[in-house]
Amino acid sequence: MIIDHDVIILGTGLAGLRAAVEIARKSDDGVNMAIVSKVQLMRSHSVCAEGGTRLYFARRKGTV
C-alpha cells in the first residue's frame, strides 16, 4: 500500500503544528498533509516546556 501526501511534517512540537496550520490556511485546506511524531500528539517537548514558553512570551509582552 502506498500513501501519497503533498506535505509531510516531522514533529508535533510548536514549529511542526504551526507549519501545519499555516500550510492549511494558505492553501485553503487544499493540501494533503501528514504529521508524523515519535511521541503521542500532546507529549512533544514543546508541550512539556509549556511553562517556560509562556514565561518567554509574557516577558516579550512586558507583563512579567
PDB file of N, CA and C in Angstrom:
ATOM      1  N   MET A   1       0.841  -1.180   0.000  1.00  0.00           N
ATOM      2  CA  MET A   1       0.000   0.000   0.000  1.00  0.00           C
ATOM      3  C   MET A   1       0.890   1.249   0.000  1.00  0.00           C
ATOM      4  N   ILE A   2       0.629   2.167  -0.883  1.00  0.00           N
ATOM      5  CA  ILE A   2       1.359   3.425  -0.975  1.00  0.00           C
ATOM      6  C   ILE A   2       0.429   4.554  -0.543  1.00  0.00           C
ATOM      7  N   ILE A   3       0.918   5.359   0.381  1.00  0.00           N
ATOM      8  CA  ILE A   3       0.158   6.525   0.850  1.00  0.00           C
ATOM      9  C   ILE A   3       0.850   7.764   0.297  1.00  0.00           C
ATOM     10  N   ASP A   4       0.103   8.624  -0.339  1.00  0.00           N
ATOM     11  CA  ASP A   4       0.655   9.796  -1.016  1.00  0.00           C
ATOM     12  C   ASP A   4       0.183  11.073  -0.324  1.00  0.00           C
ATOM     13  N   HIS A   5       1.125  11.981  -0.039  1.00  0.00           N
ATOM     14  CA  HIS A   5       0.817  13.270   0.572  1.00  0.00           C
ATOM     15  C   HIS A   5       1.557  14.367  -0.176  1.00  0.00           C
ATOM     16  N   ASP A   6       1.006  15.560  -0.171  1.00  0.00           N
ATOM     17  CA  ASP A   6       1.691  16.720  -0.741  1.00  0.00           C
ATOM     18  C   ASP A   6       2.795  17.214   0.193  1.00  0.00           C
ATOM     19  N   VAL A   7       2.529  17.164   1.504  1.00  0.00           N
ATOM     20  CA  VAL A   7       3.465  17.661   2.513  1.00  0.00           C
ATOM     21  C   VAL A   7       3.510  16.664   3.660  1.00  0.00           C
ATOM     22  N   ILE A   8       4.720  16.375   4.153  1.00  0.00           N
ATOM     23  CA  ILE A   8       4.895  15.566   5.357  1.00  0.00           C
ATOM     24  C   ILE A   8       5.658  16.419   6.363  1.00  0.00           C
ATOM     25  N   ILE A   9       5.065  16.613   7.533  1.00  0.00           N
ATOM     26  CA  ILE A   9       5.684  17.396   8.594  1.00  0.00           C
ATOM     27  C   ILE A   9       6.165  16.422   9.660  1.00  0.00           C
ATOM     28  N   LEU A  10       7.450  16.522   9.993  1.00  0.00           N
ATOM     29  CA  LEU A  10       8.034  15.660  11.013  1.00  0.00           C
ATOM     30  C   LEU A  10       8.103  16.420  12.323  1.00  0.00           C
ATOM     31  N   GLY A  11       7.332  15.966  13.300  1.00  0.00           N
ATOM     32  CA  GLY A  11       7.339  16.587  14.623  1.00  0.00           C
ATOM     33  C   GLY A  11       6.042  17.303  14.930  1.00  0.00           C
ATOM     34  N   THR A  12       5.576  17.141  16.173  1.00  0.00           N
ATOM     35  CA  THR A  12       4.325  17.773  16.592  1.00  0.00           C
ATOM     36  C   THR A  12       4.565  18.815  17.677  1.00  0.00           C
ATOM     37  N   GLY A  13       5.761  19.374  17.687  1.00  0.00           N
ATOM     38  CA  GLY A  13       6.036  20.474  18.607  1.00  0.00           C
ATOM     39  C   GLY A  13       5.431  21.758  18.066  1.00  0.00           C
ATOM     40  N   LEU A  14       5.787  22.864  18.677  1.00  0.00           N
ATOM     41  CA  LEU A  14       5.230  24.152  18.253  1.00  0.00           C
ATOM     42  C   LEU A  14       5.504  24.447  16.783  1.00  0.00           C
ATOM     43  N   ALA A  15       6.717  24.191  16.334  1.00  0.00           N
ATOM     44  CA  ALA A  15       7.073  24.505  14.947  1.00  0.00           C
ATOM     45  C   ALA A  15       6.310  23.628  13.962  1.00  0.00           C
ATOM     46  N   GLY A  16       6.219  22.336  14.240  1.00  0.00           N
ATOM     47  CA  GLY A  16       5.524  21.434  13.331  1.00  0.00           C
ATOM     48  C   GLY A  16       4.035  21.737  13.233  1.00  0.00           C
ATOM     49  N   LEU A  17       3.400  21.947  14.375  1.00  0.00           N
ATOM     50  CA  LEU A  17       1.966  22.244  14.356  1.00  0.00           C
ATOM     51  C   LEU A  17       1.684  23.614  13.754  1.00  0.00           C
ATOM     52  N   ARG A  18       2.557  24.569  14.009  1.00  0.00           N
ATOM     53  CA  ARG A  18       2.383  25.906  13.411  1.00  0.00           C
ATOM     54  C   ARG A  18       2.544  25.839  11.903  1.00  0.00           C
ATOM     55  N   ALA A  19       3.504  25.039  11.442  1.00  0.00           N
ATOM     56  CA  ALA A  19       3.679  24.860   9.997  1.00  0.00           C
ATOM     57  C   ALA A  19       2.436  24.243   9.380  1.00  0.00           C
ATOM     58  N   ALA A  20       1.852  23.265  10.045  1.00  0.00           N
ATOM     59  CA  ALA A  20       0.638  22.620   9.532  1.00  0.00           C
ATOM     60  C   ALA A  20      -0.517  23.609   9.442  1.00  0.00           C
ATOM     61  N   VAL A  21      -0.672  24.427  10.471  1.00  0.00           N
ATOM     62  CA  VAL A  21      -1.748  25.433  10.462  1.00  0.00           C
ATOM     63  C   VAL A  21      -1.548  26.420   9.318  1.00  0.00           C
ATOM     64  N   GLU A  22      -0.324  26.892   9.146  1.00  0.00           N
ATOM     65  CA  GLU A  22      -0.053  27.882   8.106  1.00  0.00           C
ATOM     66  C   GLU A  22      -0.231  27.304   6.707  1.00  0.00           C
ATOM     67  N   ILE A  23       0.213  26.073   6.504  1.00  0.00           N
ATOM     68  CA  ILE A  23       0.022  25.426   5.197  1.00  0.00           C
ATOM     69  C   ILE A  23      -1.465  25.256   4.899  1.00  0.00           C
ATOM     70  N   ALA A  24      -2.220  24.809   5.880  1.00  0.00           N
ATOM     71  CA  ALA A  24      -3.665  24.643   5.692  1.00  0.00           C
ATOM     72  C   ALA A  24      -4.332  25.982   5.408  1.00  0.00           C
ATOM     73  N   ARG A  25      -3.923  27.017   6.125  1.00  0.00           N
ATOM     74  CA  ARG A  25      -4.524  28.340   5.939  1.00  0.00           C
ATOM     75  C   ARG A  25      -4.226  28.904   4.556  1.00  0.00           C
ATOM     76  N   LYS A  26      -2.972  28.822   4.140  1.00  0.00           N
ATOM     77  CA  LYS A  26      -2.589  29.410   2.847  1.00  0.00           C
ATOM     78  C   LYS A  26      -3.094  28.614   1.659  1.00  0.00           C
ATOM     79  N   SER A  27      -3.361  27.341   1.850  1.00  0.00           N
ATOM     80  CA  SER A  27      -3.812  26.509   0.728  1.00  0.00           C
ATOM     81  C   SER A  27      -5.329  26.328   0.723  1.00  0.00           C
ATOM     82  N   ASP A  28      -6.028  27.009   1.636  1.00  0.00           N
ATOM     83  CA  ASP A  28      -7.483  26.819   1.784  1.00  0.00           C
ATOM     84  C   ASP A  28      -7.833  25.346   1.930  1.00  0.00           C
ATOM     85  N   ASP A  29      -7.056  24.646   2.748  1.00  0.00           N
ATOM     86  CA  ASP A  29      -7.232  23.210   3.017  1.00  0.00           C
ATOM     87  C   ASP A  29      -7.120  22.358   1.767  1.00  0.00           C
ATOM     88  N   GLY A  30      -6.376  22.836   0.763  1.00  0.00           N
ATOM     89  CA  GLY A  30      -6.228  22.089  -0.479  1.00  0.00           C
ATOM     90  C   GLY A  30      -4.994  21.211  -0.540  1.00  0.00           C
ATOM     91  N   VAL A  31      -4.247  21.126   0.570  1.00  0.00           N
ATOM     92  CA  VAL A  31      -3.023  20.329   0.601  1.00  0.00           C
ATOM     93  C   VAL A  31      -3.272  19.079   1.436  1.00  0.00           C
ATOM     94  N   ASN A  32      -2.881  17.930   0.882  1.00  0.00           N
ATOM     95  CA  ASN A  32      -2.968  16.663   1.609  1.00  0.00           C
ATOM     96  C   ASN A  32      -1.725  16.565   2.486  1.00  0.00           C
ATOM     97  N   MET A  33      -1.920  16.635   3.815  1.00  0.00           N
ATOM     98  CA  MET A  33      -0.816  16.748   4.740  1.00  0.00           C
ATOM     99  C   MET A  33      -0.764  15.561   5.691  1.00  0.00           C
ATOM    100  N   ALA A  34       0.456  15.157   6.046  1.00  0.00           N
ATOM    101  CA  ALA A  34       0.665  14.155   7.093  1.00  0.00           C
ATOM    102  C   ALA A  34       1.570  14.774   8.150  1.00  0.00           C
ATOM    103  N   ILE A  35       1.232  14.521   9.408  1.00  0.00           N
ATOM    104  CA  ILE A  35       2.066  14.977  10.513  1.00  0.00           C
ATOM    105  C   ILE A  35       2.545  13.726  11.241  1.00  0.00           C
ATOM    106  N   VAL A  36       3.864  13.566  11.320  1.00  0.00           N
ATOM    107  CA  VAL A  36       4.461  12.365  11.896  1.00  0.00           C
ATOM    108  C   VAL A  36       5.179  12.730  13.184  1.00  0.00           C
ATOM    109  N   SER A  37       4.943  11.955  14.230  1.00  0.00           N
ATOM    110  CA  SER A  37       5.588  12.211  15.515  1.00  0.00           C
ATOM    111  C   SER A  37       6.076  10.908  16.116  1.00  0.00           C
ATOM    112  N   LYS A  38       7.188  10.970  16.836  1.00  0.00           N
ATOM    113  CA  LYS A  38       7.684   9.781  17.517  1.00  0.00           C
ATOM    114  C   LYS A  38       7.030   9.593  18.885  1.00  0.00           C
ATOM    115  N   VAL A  39       6.290  10.612  19.333  1.00  0.00           N
ATOM    116  CA  VAL A  39       5.576  10.531  20.609  1.00  0.00           C
ATOM    117  C   VAL A  39       4.106  10.859  20.379  1.00  0.00           C
ATOM    118  N   GLN A  40       3.281  10.643  21.395  1.00  0.00           N
ATOM    119  CA  GLN A  40       1.866  10.997  21.273  1.00  0.00           C
ATOM    120  C   GLN A  40       1.726  12.497  21.024  1.00  0.00           C
ATOM    121  N   LEU A  41       0.649  12.885  20.388  1.00  0.00           N
ATOM    122  CA  LEU A  41       0.467  14.265  19.939  1.00  0.00           C
ATOM    123  C   LEU A  41       0.726  15.298  21.033  1.00  0.00           C
ATOM    124  N   MET A  42       0.192  15.121  22.195  1.00  0.00           N
ATOM    125  CA  MET A  42       0.345  16.128  23.256  1.00  0.00           C
ATOM    126  C   MET A  42       1.522  15.835  24.193  1.00  0.00           C
ATOM    127  N   ARG A  43       2.484  15.028  23.763  1.00  0.00           N
ATOM    128  CA  ARG A  43       3.642  14.702  24.587  1.00  0.00           C
ATOM    129  C   ARG A  43       4.947  15.254  24.015  1.00  0.00           C
ATOM    130  N   SER A  44       4.876  16.184  23.089  1.00  0.00           N
ATOM    131  CA  SER A  44       6.083  16.740  22.473  1.00  0.00           C
ATOM    132  C   SER A  44       6.862  17.564  23.493  1.00  0.00           C
ATOM    133  N   HIS A  45       8.110  17.860  23.177  1.00  0.00           N
ATOM    134  CA  HIS A  45       8.947  18.646  24.080  1.00  0.00           C
ATOM    135  C   HIS A  45       8.402  20.060  24.242  1.00  0.00           C
ATOM    136  N   SER A  46       7.772  20.600  23.205  1.00  0.00           N
ATOM    137  CA  SER A  46       7.187  21.942  23.310  1.00  0.00           C
ATOM    138  C   SER A  46       6.068  21.970  24.340  1.00  0.00           C
ATOM    139  N   VAL A  47       5.255  20.925  24.369  1.00  0.00           N
ATOM    140  CA  VAL A  47       4.157  20.859  25.342  1.00  0.00           C
ATOM    141  C   VAL A  47       4.733  20.704  26.744  1.00  0.00           C
ATOM    142  N   CYS A  48       5.790  19.897  26.877  1.00  0.00           N
ATOM    143  CA  CYS A  48       6.426  19.708  28.188  1.00  0.00           C
ATOM    144  C   CYS A  48       7.034  21.005  28.702  1.00  0.00           C
ATOM    145  N   ALA A  49       7.474  21.888  27.815  1.00  0.00           N
ATOM    146  CA  ALA A  49       8.112  23.159  28.198  1.00  0.00           C
ATOM    147  C   ALA A  49       7.109  24.304  28.247  1.00  0.00           C
ATOM    148  N   GLU A  50       5.846  23.979  28.377  1.00  0.00           N
ATOM    149  CA  GLU A  50       4.794  24.992  28.295  1.00  0.00           C
ATOM    150  C   GLU A  50       5.014  26.151  29.259  1.00  0.00           C
ATOM    151  N   GLY A  51       5.403  25.865  30.478  1.00  0.00           N
ATOM    152  CA  GLY A  51       5.609  26.950  31.444  1.00  0.00           C
ATOM    153  C   GLY A  51       6.707  27.898  31.004  1.00  0.00           C
ATOM    154  N   GLY A  52       7.817  27.360  30.516  1.00  0.00           N
ATOM    155  CA  GLY A  52       8.908  28.205  30.031  1.00  0.00           C
ATOM    156  C   GLY A  52       8.511  28.990  28.802  1.00  0.00           C
ATOM    157  N   THR A  53       7.753  28.384  27.927  1.00  0.00           N
ATOM    158  CA  THR A  53       7.285  29.068  26.723  1.00  0.00           C
ATOM    159  C   THR A  53       6.357  30.213  27.103  1.00  0.00           C
ATOM    160  N   ARG A  54       5.464  29.974  28.042  1.00  0.00           N
ATOM    161  CA  ARG A  54       4.534  31.010  28.485  1.00  0.00           C
ATOM    162  C   ARG A  54       5.290  32.174  29.116  1.00  0.00           C
ATOM    163  N   LEU A  55       6.307  31.881  29.928  1.00  0.00           N
ATOM    164  CA  LEU A  55       7.095  32.940  30.555  1.00  0.00           C
ATOM    165  C   LEU A  55       7.817  33.775  29.509  1.00  0.00           C
ATOM    166  N   TYR A  56       8.362  33.122  28.492  1.00  0.00           N
ATOM    167  CA  TYR A  56       9.063  33.832  27.424  1.00  0.00           C
ATOM    168  C   TYR A  56       8.128  34.833  26.736  1.00  0.00           C
ATOM    169  N   PHE A  57       6.929  34.387  26.359  1.00  0.00           N
ATOM    170  CA  PHE A  57       6.006  35.279  25.668  1.00  0.00           C
ATOM    171  C   PHE A  57       5.467  36.365  26.593  1.00  0.00           C
ATOM    172  N   ALA A  58       5.293  36.055  27.875  1.00  0.00           N
ATOM    173  CA  ALA A  58       4.844  37.078  28.820  1.00  0.00           C
ATOM    174  C   ALA A  58       5.899  38.176  28.953  1.00  0.00           C
ATOM    175  N   ARG A  59       7.166  37.785  28.978  1.00  0.00           N
ATOM    176  CA  ARG A  59       8.243  38.788  29.059  1.00  0.00           C
ATOM    177  C   ARG A  59       8.305  39.642  27.822  1.00  0.00           C
ATOM    178  N   ARG A  60       8.062  39.053  26.662  1.00  0.00           N
ATOM    179  CA  ARG A  60       8.082  39.826  25.416  1.00  0.00           C
ATOM    180  C   ARG A  60       6.950  40.846  25.398  1.00  0.00           C
ATOM    181  N   LYS A  61       5.822  40.516  26.008  1.00  0.00           N
ATOM    182  CA  LYS A  61       4.707  41.460  26.052  1.00  0.00           C
ATOM    183  C   LYS A  61       4.878  42.490  27.173  1.00  0.00           C
ATOM    184  N   GLY A  62       5.839  42.255  28.056  1.00  0.00           N
ATOM    185  CA  GLY A  62       6.067  43.188  29.145  1.00  0.00           C
ATOM    186  C   GLY A  62       5.162  43.006  30.326  1.00  0.00           C
ATOM    187  N   THR A  63       4.568  41.828  30.486  1.00  0.00           N
ATOM    188  CA  THR A  63       3.647  41.595  31.593  1.00  0.00           C
ATOM    189  C   THR A  63       4.311  40.926  32.772  1.00  0.00           C
ATOM    190  N   VAL A  64       5.612  40.596  32.656  1.00  0.00           N
ATOM    191  CA  VAL A  64       6.309  39.961  33.788  1.00  0.00           C
ATOM    192  C   VAL A  64       7.439  40.854  34.215  1.00  0.00           C
TER     193      VAL A  64
END
